[in-house]
Amino acid sequence: LRVPGAEVAPLSVIRWASMPKAEENK
C-alpha cells in the first residue's frame, strides 16, 4: 500500500539515505 508521490526511506536505514534536506518553505 503506497501513498502516491511519497518518497520511501525506511526508518531502519534512513540514517544512511541520501535524501535532500527539508527547506523552510517545503
mmCIF file of all heavy atoms, coordinates in Angstrom:
data_MODEL
# 
_entry.id   MODEL 
# 
loop_
_atom_site.group_PDB 
_atom_site.id 
_atom_site.type_symbol 
_atom_site.label_atom_id 
_atom_site.label_alt_id 
_atom_site.label_comp_id 
_atom_site.label_asym_id 
_atom_site.label_entity_id 
_atom_site.label_seq_id 
_atom_site.pdbx_PDB_ins_code 
_atom_site.Cartn_x 
_atom_site.Cartn_y 
_atom_site.Cartn_z 
_atom_site.occupancy 
_atom_site.B_iso_or_equiv 
_atom_site.pdbx_formal_charge 
_atom_site.auth_seq_id 
_atom_site.auth_comp_id 
_atom_site.auth_asym_id 
_atom_site.auth_atom_id 
_atom_site.pdbx_PDB_model_num 
ATOM 1   N N   . LEU A 1 1  ? 0.861  -1.191 0.000  1.00 0.00 ? 1  LEU A N   1 
ATOM 2   C CA  . LEU A 1 1  ? 0.000  0.000  0.000  1.00 0.00 ? 1  LEU A CA  1 
ATOM 3   C C   . LEU A 1 1  ? 0.888  1.228  0.000  1.00 0.00 ? 1  LEU A C   1 
ATOM 4   O O   . LEU A 1 1  ? 1.672  1.426  0.917  1.00 0.00 ? 1  LEU A O   1 
ATOM 5   C CB  . LEU A 1 1  ? -0.893 0.007  1.248  1.00 0.00 ? 1  LEU A CB  1 
ATOM 6   C CG  . LEU A 1 1  ? -1.879 1.167  1.320  1.00 0.00 ? 1  LEU A CG  1 
ATOM 7   C CD1 . LEU A 1 1  ? -3.033 0.945  0.350  1.00 0.00 ? 1  LEU A CD1 1 
ATOM 8   C CD2 . LEU A 1 1  ? -2.414 1.311  2.728  1.00 0.00 ? 1  LEU A CD2 1 
ATOM 9   N N   . ARG A 1 2  ? 0.746  2.032  -1.044 1.00 0.00 ? 2  ARG A N   1 
ATOM 10  C CA  . ARG A 1 2  ? 1.640  3.179  -1.225 1.00 0.00 ? 2  ARG A CA  1 
ATOM 11  C C   . ARG A 1 2  ? 0.848  4.460  -1.393 1.00 0.00 ? 2  ARG A C   1 
ATOM 12  O O   . ARG A 1 2  ? -0.193 4.484  -2.042 1.00 0.00 ? 2  ARG A O   1 
ATOM 13  C CB  . ARG A 1 2  ? 2.487  2.934  -2.474 1.00 0.00 ? 2  ARG A CB  1 
ATOM 14  C CG  . ARG A 1 2  ? 3.512  3.983  -2.753 1.00 0.00 ? 2  ARG A CG  1 
ATOM 15  C CD  . ARG A 1 2  ? 4.353  3.604  -3.965 1.00 0.00 ? 2  ARG A CD  1 
ATOM 16  N NE  . ARG A 1 2  ? 5.325  4.627  -4.236 1.00 0.00 ? 2  ARG A NE  1 
ATOM 17  C CZ  . ARG A 1 2  ? 5.059  5.776  -4.849 1.00 0.00 ? 2  ARG A CZ  1 
ATOM 18  N NH1 . ARG A 1 2  ? 3.848  6.034  -5.271 1.00 0.00 ? 2  ARG A NH1 1 
ATOM 19  N NH2 . ARG A 1 2  ? 6.003  6.670  -5.036 1.00 0.00 ? 2  ARG A NH2 1 
ATOM 20  N N   . VAL A 1 3  ? 1.353  5.531  -0.798 1.00 0.00 ? 3  VAL A N   1 
ATOM 21  C CA  . VAL A 1 3  ? 0.783  6.858  -0.988 1.00 0.00 ? 3  VAL A CA  1 
ATOM 22  C C   . VAL A 1 3  ? 1.457  7.458  -2.224 1.00 0.00 ? 3  VAL A C   1 
ATOM 23  O O   . VAL A 1 3  ? 2.680  7.625  -2.224 1.00 0.00 ? 3  VAL A O   1 
ATOM 24  C CB  . VAL A 1 3  ? 1.003  7.763  0.243  1.00 0.00 ? 3  VAL A CB  1 
ATOM 25  C CG1 . VAL A 1 3  ? 0.508  9.170  -0.040 1.00 0.00 ? 3  VAL A CG1 1 
ATOM 26  C CG2 . VAL A 1 3  ? 0.332  7.181  1.474  1.00 0.00 ? 3  VAL A CG2 1 
ATOM 27  N N   . PRO A 1 4  ? 0.686  7.755  -3.280 1.00 0.00 ? 4  PRO A N   1 
ATOM 28  C CA  . PRO A 1 4  ? 1.295  8.311  -4.487 1.00 0.00 ? 4  PRO A CA  1 
ATOM 29  C C   . PRO A 1 4  ? 2.059  9.604  -4.180 1.00 0.00 ? 4  PRO A C   1 
ATOM 30  O O   . PRO A 1 4  ? 1.580  10.464 -3.453 1.00 0.00 ? 4  PRO A O   1 
ATOM 31  C CB  . PRO A 1 4  ? 0.098  8.603  -5.407 1.00 0.00 ? 4  PRO A CB  1 
ATOM 32  C CG  . PRO A 1 4  ? -1.024 7.793  -4.863 1.00 0.00 ? 4  PRO A CG  1 
ATOM 33  C CD  . PRO A 1 4  ? -0.767 7.637  -3.394 1.00 0.00 ? 4  PRO A CD  1 
ATOM 34  N N   . GLY A 1 5  ? 3.256  9.700  -4.733 1.00 0.00 ? 5  GLY A N   1 
ATOM 35  C CA  . GLY A 1 5  ? 4.063  10.895 -4.541 1.00 0.00 ? 5  GLY A CA  1 
ATOM 36  C C   . GLY A 1 5  ? 4.946  10.879 -3.311 1.00 0.00 ? 5  GLY A C   1 
ATOM 37  O O   . GLY A 1 5  ? 5.783  11.759 -3.136 1.00 0.00 ? 5  GLY A O   1 
ATOM 38  N N   . ALA A 1 6  ? 4.771  9.872  -2.469 1.00 0.00 ? 6  ALA A N   1 
ATOM 39  C CA  . ALA A 1 6  ? 5.600  9.785  -1.260 1.00 0.00 ? 6  ALA A CA  1 
ATOM 40  C C   . ALA A 1 6  ? 6.974  9.229  -1.608 1.00 0.00 ? 6  ALA A C   1 
ATOM 41  O O   . ALA A 1 6  ? 7.098  8.302  -2.404 1.00 0.00 ? 6  ALA A O   1 
ATOM 42  C CB  . ALA A 1 6  ? 4.934  8.904  -0.210 1.00 0.00 ? 6  ALA A CB  1 
ATOM 43  N N   . GLU A 1 7  ? 7.998  9.807  -1.007 1.00 0.00 ? 7  GLU A N   1 
ATOM 44  C CA  . GLU A 1 7  ? 9.345  9.255  -1.106 1.00 0.00 ? 7  GLU A CA  1 
ATOM 45  C C   . GLU A 1 7  ? 9.428  8.105  -0.104 1.00 0.00 ? 7  GLU A C   1 
ATOM 46  O O   . GLU A 1 7  ? 8.718  8.110  0.900  1.00 0.00 ? 7  GLU A O   1 
ATOM 47  C CB  . GLU A 1 7  ? 10.384 10.317 -0.749 1.00 0.00 ? 7  GLU A CB  1 
ATOM 48  C CG  . GLU A 1 7  ? 10.340 11.554 -1.623 1.00 0.00 ? 7  GLU A CG  1 
ATOM 49  C CD  . GLU A 1 7  ? 11.205 12.684 -1.082 1.00 0.00 ? 7  GLU A CD  1 
ATOM 50  O OE1 . GLU A 1 7  ? 12.284 12.399 -0.517 1.00 0.00 ? 7  GLU A OE1 1 
ATOM 51  O OE2 . GLU A 1 7  ? 10.785 13.840 -1.212 1.00 0.00 ? 7  GLU A OE2 1 
ATOM 52  N N   . VAL A 1 8  ? 10.276 7.130  -0.359 1.00 0.00 ? 8  VAL A N   1 
ATOM 53  C CA  . VAL A 1 8  ? 10.418 5.988  0.544  1.00 0.00 ? 8  VAL A CA  1 
ATOM 54  C C   . VAL A 1 8  ? 11.830 5.978  1.113  1.00 0.00 ? 8  VAL A C   1 
ATOM 55  O O   . VAL A 1 8  ? 12.809 5.967  0.373  1.00 0.00 ? 8  VAL A O   1 
ATOM 56  C CB  . VAL A 1 8  ? 10.119 4.661  -0.187 1.00 0.00 ? 8  VAL A CB  1 
ATOM 57  C CG1 . VAL A 1 8  ? 10.299 3.481  0.760  1.00 0.00 ? 8  VAL A CG1 1 
ATOM 58  C CG2 . VAL A 1 8  ? 8.711  4.673  -0.766 1.00 0.00 ? 8  VAL A CG2 1 
ATOM 59  N N   . ALA A 1 9  ? 11.917 6.012  2.429  1.00 0.00 ? 9  ALA A N   1 
ATOM 60  C CA  . ALA A 1 9  ? 13.191 5.935  3.144  1.00 0.00 ? 9  ALA A CA  1 
ATOM 61  C C   . ALA A 1 9  ? 12.935 5.181  4.446  1.00 0.00 ? 9  ALA A C   1 
ATOM 62  O O   . ALA A 1 9  ? 12.567 5.776  5.452  1.00 0.00 ? 9  ALA A O   1 
ATOM 63  C CB  . ALA A 1 9  ? 13.743 7.331  3.424  1.00 0.00 ? 9  ALA A CB  1 
ATOM 64  N N   . PRO A 1 10 ? 13.058 3.833  4.422  1.00 0.00 ? 10 PRO A N   1 
ATOM 65  C CA  . PRO A 1 10 ? 12.756 3.032  5.608  1.00 0.00 ? 10 PRO A CA  1 
ATOM 66  C C   . PRO A 1 10 ? 13.517 3.514  6.846  1.00 0.00 ? 10 PRO A C   1 
ATOM 67  O O   . PRO A 1 10 ? 14.701 3.854  6.770  1.00 0.00 ? 10 PRO A O   1 
ATOM 68  C CB  . PRO A 1 10 ? 13.193 1.622  5.217  1.00 0.00 ? 10 PRO A CB  1 
ATOM 69  C CG  . PRO A 1 10 ? 13.139 1.622  3.722  1.00 0.00 ? 10 PRO A CG  1 
ATOM 70  C CD  . PRO A 1 10 ? 13.519 3.016  3.311  1.00 0.00 ? 10 PRO A CD  1 
ATOM 71  N N   . LEU A 1 11 ? 12.817 3.548  7.964  1.00 0.00 ? 11 LEU A N   1 
ATOM 72  C CA  . LEU A 1 11 ? 13.410 4.000  9.221  1.00 0.00 ? 11 LEU A CA  1 
ATOM 73  C C   . LEU A 1 11 ? 14.666 3.197  9.565  1.00 0.00 ? 11 LEU A C   1 
ATOM 74  O O   . LEU A 1 11 ? 15.624 3.750  10.097 1.00 0.00 ? 11 LEU A O   1 
ATOM 75  C CB  . LEU A 1 11 ? 12.385 3.906  10.356 1.00 0.00 ? 11 LEU A CB  1 
ATOM 76  C CG  . LEU A 1 11 ? 12.823 4.429  11.716 1.00 0.00 ? 11 LEU A CG  1 
ATOM 77  C CD1 . LEU A 1 11 ? 13.183 5.911  11.642 1.00 0.00 ? 11 LEU A CD1 1 
ATOM 78  C CD2 . LEU A 1 11 ? 11.730 4.198  12.759 1.00 0.00 ? 11 LEU A CD2 1 
ATOM 79  N N   . SER A 1 12 ? 14.672 1.910  9.198  1.00 0.00 ? 12 SER A N   1 
ATOM 80  C CA  . SER A 1 12 ? 15.819 1.059  9.536  1.00 0.00 ? 12 SER A CA  1 
ATOM 81  C C   . SER A 1 12 ? 17.111 1.504  8.858  1.00 0.00 ? 12 SER A C   1 
ATOM 82  O O   . SER A 1 12 ? 18.196 1.187  9.330  1.00 0.00 ? 12 SER A O   1 
ATOM 83  C CB  . SER A 1 12 ? 15.512 -0.397 9.164  1.00 0.00 ? 12 SER A CB  1 
ATOM 84  O OG  . SER A 1 12 ? 15.228 -0.506 7.783  1.00 0.00 ? 12 SER A OG  1 
ATOM 85  N N   . VAL A 1 13 ? 17.011 2.249  7.753  1.00 0.00 ? 13 VAL A N   1 
ATOM 86  C CA  . VAL A 1 13 ? 18.220 2.682  7.028  1.00 0.00 ? 13 VAL A CA  1 
ATOM 87  C C   . VAL A 1 13 ? 18.224 4.187  6.736  1.00 0.00 ? 13 VAL A C   1 
ATOM 88  O O   . VAL A 1 13 ? 19.094 4.669  6.013  1.00 0.00 ? 13 VAL A O   1 
ATOM 89  C CB  . VAL A 1 13 ? 18.395 1.905  5.696  1.00 0.00 ? 13 VAL A CB  1 
ATOM 90  C CG1 . VAL A 1 13 ? 18.637 0.432  5.962  1.00 0.00 ? 13 VAL A CG1 1 
ATOM 91  C CG2 . VAL A 1 13 ? 17.210 2.108  4.778  1.00 0.00 ? 13 VAL A CG2 1 
ATOM 92  N N   . ILE A 1 14 ? 17.272 4.912  7.294  1.00 0.00 ? 14 ILE A N   1 
ATOM 93  C CA  . ILE A 1 14 ? 17.120 6.327  6.937  1.00 0.00 ? 14 ILE A CA  1 
ATOM 94  C C   . ILE A 1 14 ? 18.359 7.157  7.270  1.00 0.00 ? 14 ILE A C   1 
ATOM 95  O O   . ILE A 1 14 ? 18.663 8.130  6.599  1.00 0.00 ? 14 ILE A O   1 
ATOM 96  C CB  . ILE A 1 14 ? 15.858 6.943  7.568  1.00 0.00 ? 14 ILE A CB  1 
ATOM 97  C CG1 . ILE A 1 14 ? 15.476 8.226  6.810  1.00 0.00 ? 14 ILE A CG1 1 
ATOM 98  C CG2 . ILE A 1 14 ? 16.035 7.179  9.067  1.00 0.00 ? 14 ILE A CG2 1 
ATOM 99  C CD1 . ILE A 1 14 ? 14.084 8.724  7.093  1.00 0.00 ? 14 ILE A CD1 1 
ATOM 100 N N   . ARG A 1 15 ? 19.081 6.743  8.271  1.00 0.00 ? 15 ARG A N   1 
ATOM 101 C CA  . ARG A 1 15 ? 20.298 7.462  8.668  1.00 0.00 ? 15 ARG A CA  1 
ATOM 102 C C   . ARG A 1 15 ? 21.284 7.537  7.501  1.00 0.00 ? 15 ARG A C   1 
ATOM 103 O O   . ARG A 1 15 ? 22.040 8.476  7.375  1.00 0.00 ? 15 ARG A O   1 
ATOM 104 C CB  . ARG A 1 15 ? 20.917 6.746  9.865  1.00 0.00 ? 15 ARG A CB  1 
ATOM 105 C CG  . ARG A 1 15 ? 22.185 7.321  10.385 1.00 0.00 ? 15 ARG A CG  1 
ATOM 106 C CD  . ARG A 1 15 ? 22.755 6.533  11.572 1.00 0.00 ? 15 ARG A CD  1 
ATOM 107 N NE  . ARG A 1 15 ? 21.806 6.097  12.565 1.00 0.00 ? 15 ARG A NE  1 
ATOM 108 C CZ  . ARG A 1 15 ? 21.365 6.837  13.590 1.00 0.00 ? 15 ARG A CZ  1 
ATOM 109 N NH1 . ARG A 1 15 ? 21.798 8.067  13.733 1.00 0.00 ? 15 ARG A NH1 1 
ATOM 110 N NH2 . ARG A 1 15 ? 20.514 6.342  14.459 1.00 0.00 ? 15 ARG A NH2 1 
ATOM 111 N N   . TRP A 1 16 ? 21.272 6.529  6.627  1.00 0.00 ? 16 TRP A N   1 
ATOM 112 C CA  . TRP A 1 16 ? 22.214 6.466  5.511  1.00 0.00 ? 16 TRP A CA  1 
ATOM 113 C C   . TRP A 1 16 ? 21.570 6.821  4.170  1.00 0.00 ? 16 TRP A C   1 
ATOM 114 O O   . TRP A 1 16 ? 22.235 6.780  3.144  1.00 0.00 ? 16 TRP A O   1 
ATOM 115 C CB  . TRP A 1 16 ? 22.844 5.074  5.432  1.00 0.00 ? 16 TRP A CB  1 
ATOM 116 C CG  . TRP A 1 16 ? 23.522 4.734  6.711  1.00 0.00 ? 16 TRP A CG  1 
ATOM 117 C CD1 . TRP A 1 16 ? 24.723 5.219  7.147  1.00 0.00 ? 16 TRP A CD1 1 
ATOM 118 C CD2 . TRP A 1 16 ? 23.039 3.888  7.742  1.00 0.00 ? 16 TRP A CD2 1 
ATOM 119 N NE1 . TRP A 1 16 ? 25.020 4.708  8.395  1.00 0.00 ? 16 TRP A NE1 1 
ATOM 120 C CE2 . TRP A 1 16 ? 23.991 3.882  8.785  1.00 0.00 ? 16 TRP A CE2 1 
ATOM 121 C CE3 . TRP A 1 16 ? 21.894 3.125  7.912  1.00 0.00 ? 16 TRP A CE3 1 
ATOM 122 C CZ2 . TRP A 1 16 ? 23.841 3.151  9.946  1.00 0.00 ? 16 TRP A CZ2 1 
ATOM 123 C CZ3 . TRP A 1 16 ? 21.736 2.396  9.071  1.00 0.00 ? 16 TRP A CZ3 1 
ATOM 124 C CH2 . TRP A 1 16 ? 22.700 2.415  10.077 1.00 0.00 ? 16 TRP A CH2 1 
ATOM 125 N N   . ALA A 1 17 ? 20.290 7.165  4.188  1.00 0.00 ? 17 ALA A N   1 
ATOM 126 C CA  . ALA A 1 17 ? 19.608 7.513  2.932  1.00 0.00 ? 17 ALA A CA  1 
ATOM 127 C C   . ALA A 1 17 ? 20.124 8.861  2.445  1.00 0.00 ? 17 ALA A C   1 
ATOM 128 O O   . ALA A 1 17 ? 20.371 9.772  3.228  1.00 0.00 ? 17 ALA A O   1 
ATOM 129 C CB  . ALA A 1 17 ? 18.100 7.569  3.155  1.00 0.00 ? 17 ALA A CB  1 
ATOM 130 N N   . SER A 1 18 ? 20.279 8.968  1.150  1.00 0.00 ? 18 SER A N   1 
ATOM 131 C CA  . SER A 1 18 ? 20.744 10.242 0.595  1.00 0.00 ? 18 SER A CA  1 
ATOM 132 C C   . SER A 1 18 ? 19.519 11.005 0.096  1.00 0.00 ? 18 SER A C   1 
ATOM 133 O O   . SER A 1 18 ? 19.197 10.977 -1.077 1.00 0.00 ? 18 SER A O   1 
ATOM 134 C CB  . SER A 1 18 ? 21.744 10.011 -0.535 1.00 0.00 ? 18 SER A CB  1 
ATOM 135 O OG  . SER A 1 18 ? 21.164 9.211  -1.536 1.00 0.00 ? 18 SER A OG  1 
ATOM 136 N N   . MET A 1 19 ? 18.830 11.614 1.024  1.00 0.00 ? 19 MET A N   1 
ATOM 137 C CA  . MET A 1 19 ? 17.654 12.386 0.632  1.00 0.00 ? 19 MET A CA  1 
ATOM 138 C C   . MET A 1 19 ? 17.905 13.863 0.903  1.00 0.00 ? 19 MET A C   1 
ATOM 139 O O   . MET A 1 19 ? 18.604 14.215 1.851  1.00 0.00 ? 19 MET A O   1 
ATOM 140 C CB  . MET A 1 19 ? 16.398 11.892 1.342  1.00 0.00 ? 19 MET A CB  1 
ATOM 141 C CG  . MET A 1 19 ? 16.381 11.953 2.826  1.00 0.00 ? 19 MET A CG  1 
ATOM 142 S SD  . MET A 1 19 ? 14.822 11.285 3.437  1.00 0.00 ? 19 MET A SD  1 
ATOM 143 C CE  . MET A 1 19 ? 14.429 12.528 4.612  1.00 0.00 ? 19 MET A CE  1 
ATOM 144 N N   . PRO A 1 20 ? 17.366 14.703 0.046  1.00 0.00 ? 20 PRO A N   1 
ATOM 145 C CA  . PRO A 1 20 ? 17.562 16.143 0.225  1.00 0.00 ? 20 PRO A CA  1 
ATOM 146 C C   . PRO A 1 20 ? 16.997 16.624 1.564  1.00 0.00 ? 20 PRO A C   1 
ATOM 147 O O   . PRO A 1 20 ? 16.001 16.090 2.059  1.00 0.00 ? 20 PRO A O   1 
ATOM 148 C CB  . PRO A 1 20 ? 16.787 16.757 -0.935 1.00 0.00 ? 20 PRO A CB  1 
ATOM 149 C CG  . PRO A 1 20 ? 16.487 15.643 -1.873 1.00 0.00 ? 20 PRO A CG  1 
ATOM 150 C CD  . PRO A 1 20 ? 16.537 14.381 -1.094 1.00 0.00 ? 20 PRO A CD  1 
ATOM 151 N N   . LYS A 1 21 ? 17.617 17.618 2.131  1.00 0.00 ? 21 LYS A N   1 
ATOM 152 C CA  . LYS A 1 21 ? 17.165 18.195 3.399  1.00 0.00 ? 21 LYS A CA  1 
ATOM 153 C C   . LYS A 1 21 ? 15.868 18.969 3.194  1.00 0.00 ? 21 LYS A C   1 
ATOM 154 O O   . LYS A 1 21 ? 15.556 19.410 2.089  1.00 0.00 ? 21 LYS A O   1 
ATOM 155 C CB  . LYS A 1 21 ? 18.240 19.129 3.972  1.00 0.00 ? 21 LYS A CB  1 
ATOM 156 C CG  . LYS A 1 21 ? 19.562 18.455 4.254  1.00 0.00 ? 21 LYS A CG  1 
ATOM 157 C CD  . LYS A 1 21 ? 19.462 17.478 5.392  1.00 0.00 ? 21 LYS A CD  1 
ATOM 158 C CE  . LYS A 1 21 ? 20.819 16.881 5.733  1.00 0.00 ? 21 LYS A CE  1 
ATOM 159 N NZ  . LYS A 1 21 ? 20.721 15.721 6.571  1.00 0.00 ? 21 LYS A NZ  1 
ATOM 160 N N   . ALA A 1 22 ? 15.137 19.121 4.268  1.00 0.00 ? 22 ALA A N   1 
ATOM 161 C CA  . ALA A 1 22 ? 13.907 19.923 4.237  1.00 0.00 ? 22 ALA A CA  1 
ATOM 162 C C   . ALA A 1 22 ? 14.271 21.384 4.014  1.00 0.00 ? 22 ALA A C   1 
ATOM 163 O O   . ALA A 1 22 ? 15.345 21.834 4.419  1.00 0.00 ? 22 ALA A O   1 
ATOM 164 C CB  . ALA A 1 22 ? 13.153 19.771 5.551  1.00 0.00 ? 22 ALA A CB  1 
ATOM 165 N N   . GLU A 1 23 ? 13.386 22.092 3.360  1.00 0.00 ? 23 GLU A N   1 
ATOM 166 C CA  . GLU A 1 23 ? 13.579 23.520 3.135  1.00 0.00 ? 23 GLU A CA  1 
ATOM 167 C C   . GLU A 1 23 ? 12.557 24.281 3.963  1.00 0.00 ? 23 GLU A C   1 
ATOM 168 O O   . GLU A 1 23 ? 11.502 23.755 4.292  1.00 0.00 ? 23 GLU A O   1 
ATOM 169 C CB  . GLU A 1 23 ? 13.400 23.840 1.644  1.00 0.00 ? 23 GLU A CB  1 
ATOM 170 C CG  . GLU A 1 23 ? 14.397 23.118 0.758  1.00 0.00 ? 23 GLU A CG  1 
ATOM 171 C CD  . GLU A 1 23 ? 14.071 23.277 -0.725 1.00 0.00 ? 23 GLU A CD  1 
ATOM 172 O OE1 . GLU A 1 23 ? 13.276 24.174 -1.070 1.00 0.00 ? 23 GLU A OE1 1 
ATOM 173 O OE2 . GLU A 1 23 ? 14.614 22.496 -1.521 1.00 0.00 ? 23 GLU A OE2 1 
ATOM 174 N N   . GLU A 1 24 ? 12.872 25.513 4.279  1.00 0.00 ? 24 GLU A N   1 
ATOM 175 C CA  . GLU A 1 24 ? 11.983 26.335 5.105  1.00 0.00 ? 24 GLU A CA  1 
ATOM 176 C C   . GLU A 1 24 ? 10.586 26.425 4.493  1.00 0.00 ? 24 GLU A C   1 
ATOM 177 O O   . GLU A 1 24 ? 9.588  26.344 5.188  1.00 0.00 ? 24 GLU A O   1 
ATOM 178 C CB  . GLU A 1 24 ? 12.588 27.732 5.293  1.00 0.00 ? 24 GLU A CB  1 
ATOM 179 C CG  . GLU A 1 24 ? 12.059 28.474 6.492  1.00 0.00 ? 24 GLU A CG  1 
ATOM 180 C CD  . GLU A 1 24 ? 12.231 27.716 7.816  1.00 0.00 ? 24 GLU A CD  1 
ATOM 181 O OE1 . GLU A 1 24 ? 13.328 27.200 8.102  1.00 0.00 ? 24 GLU A OE1 1 
ATOM 182 O OE2 . GLU A 1 24 ? 11.245 27.651 8.575  1.00 0.00 ? 24 GLU A OE2 1 
ATOM 183 N N   . ASN A 1 25 ? 10.525 26.556 3.169  1.00 0.00 ? 25 ASN A N   1 
ATOM 184 C CA  . ASN A 1 25 ? 9.227  26.687 2.505  1.00 0.00 ? 25 ASN A CA  1 
ATOM 185 C C   . ASN A 1 25 ? 8.684  25.347 1.997  1.00 0.00 ? 25 ASN A C   1 
ATOM 186 O O   . ASN A 1 25 ? 7.640  25.309 1.350  1.00 0.00 ? 25 ASN A O   1 
ATOM 187 C CB  . ASN A 1 25 ? 9.323  27.683 1.343  1.00 0.00 ? 25 ASN A CB  1 
ATOM 188 C CG  . ASN A 1 25 ? 10.330 27.253 0.298  1.00 0.00 ? 25 ASN A CG  1 
ATOM 189 O OD1 . ASN A 1 25 ? 11.167 26.387 0.543  1.00 0.00 ? 25 ASN A OD1 1 
ATOM 190 N ND2 . ASN A 1 25 ? 10.251 27.872 -0.864 1.00 0.00 ? 25 ASN A ND2 1 
ATOM 191 N N   . LYS A 1 26 ? 9.400  24.249 2.266  1.00 0.00 ? 26 LYS A N   1 
ATOM 192 C CA  . LYS A 1 26 ? 8.943  22.917 1.850  1.00 0.00 ? 26 LYS A CA  1 
ATOM 193 C C   . LYS A 1 26 ? 9.391  21.885 2.883  1.00 0.00 ? 26 LYS A C   1 
ATOM 194 O O   . LYS A 1 26 ? 10.370 21.171 2.701  1.00 0.00 ? 26 LYS A O   1 
ATOM 195 C CB  . LYS A 1 26 ? 9.481  22.573 0.465  1.00 0.00 ? 26 LYS A CB  1 
ATOM 196 C CG  . LYS A 1 26 ? 8.770  21.397 -0.175 1.00 0.00 ? 26 LYS A CG  1 
ATOM 197 C CD  . LYS A 1 26 ? 9.159  21.270 -1.636 1.00 0.00 ? 26 LYS A CD  1 
ATOM 198 C CE  . LYS A 1 26 ? 8.332  20.189 -2.293 1.00 0.00 ? 26 LYS A CE  1 
ATOM 199 N NZ  . LYS A 1 26 ? 8.663  20.078 -3.719 1.00 0.00 ? 26 LYS A NZ  1 
# 
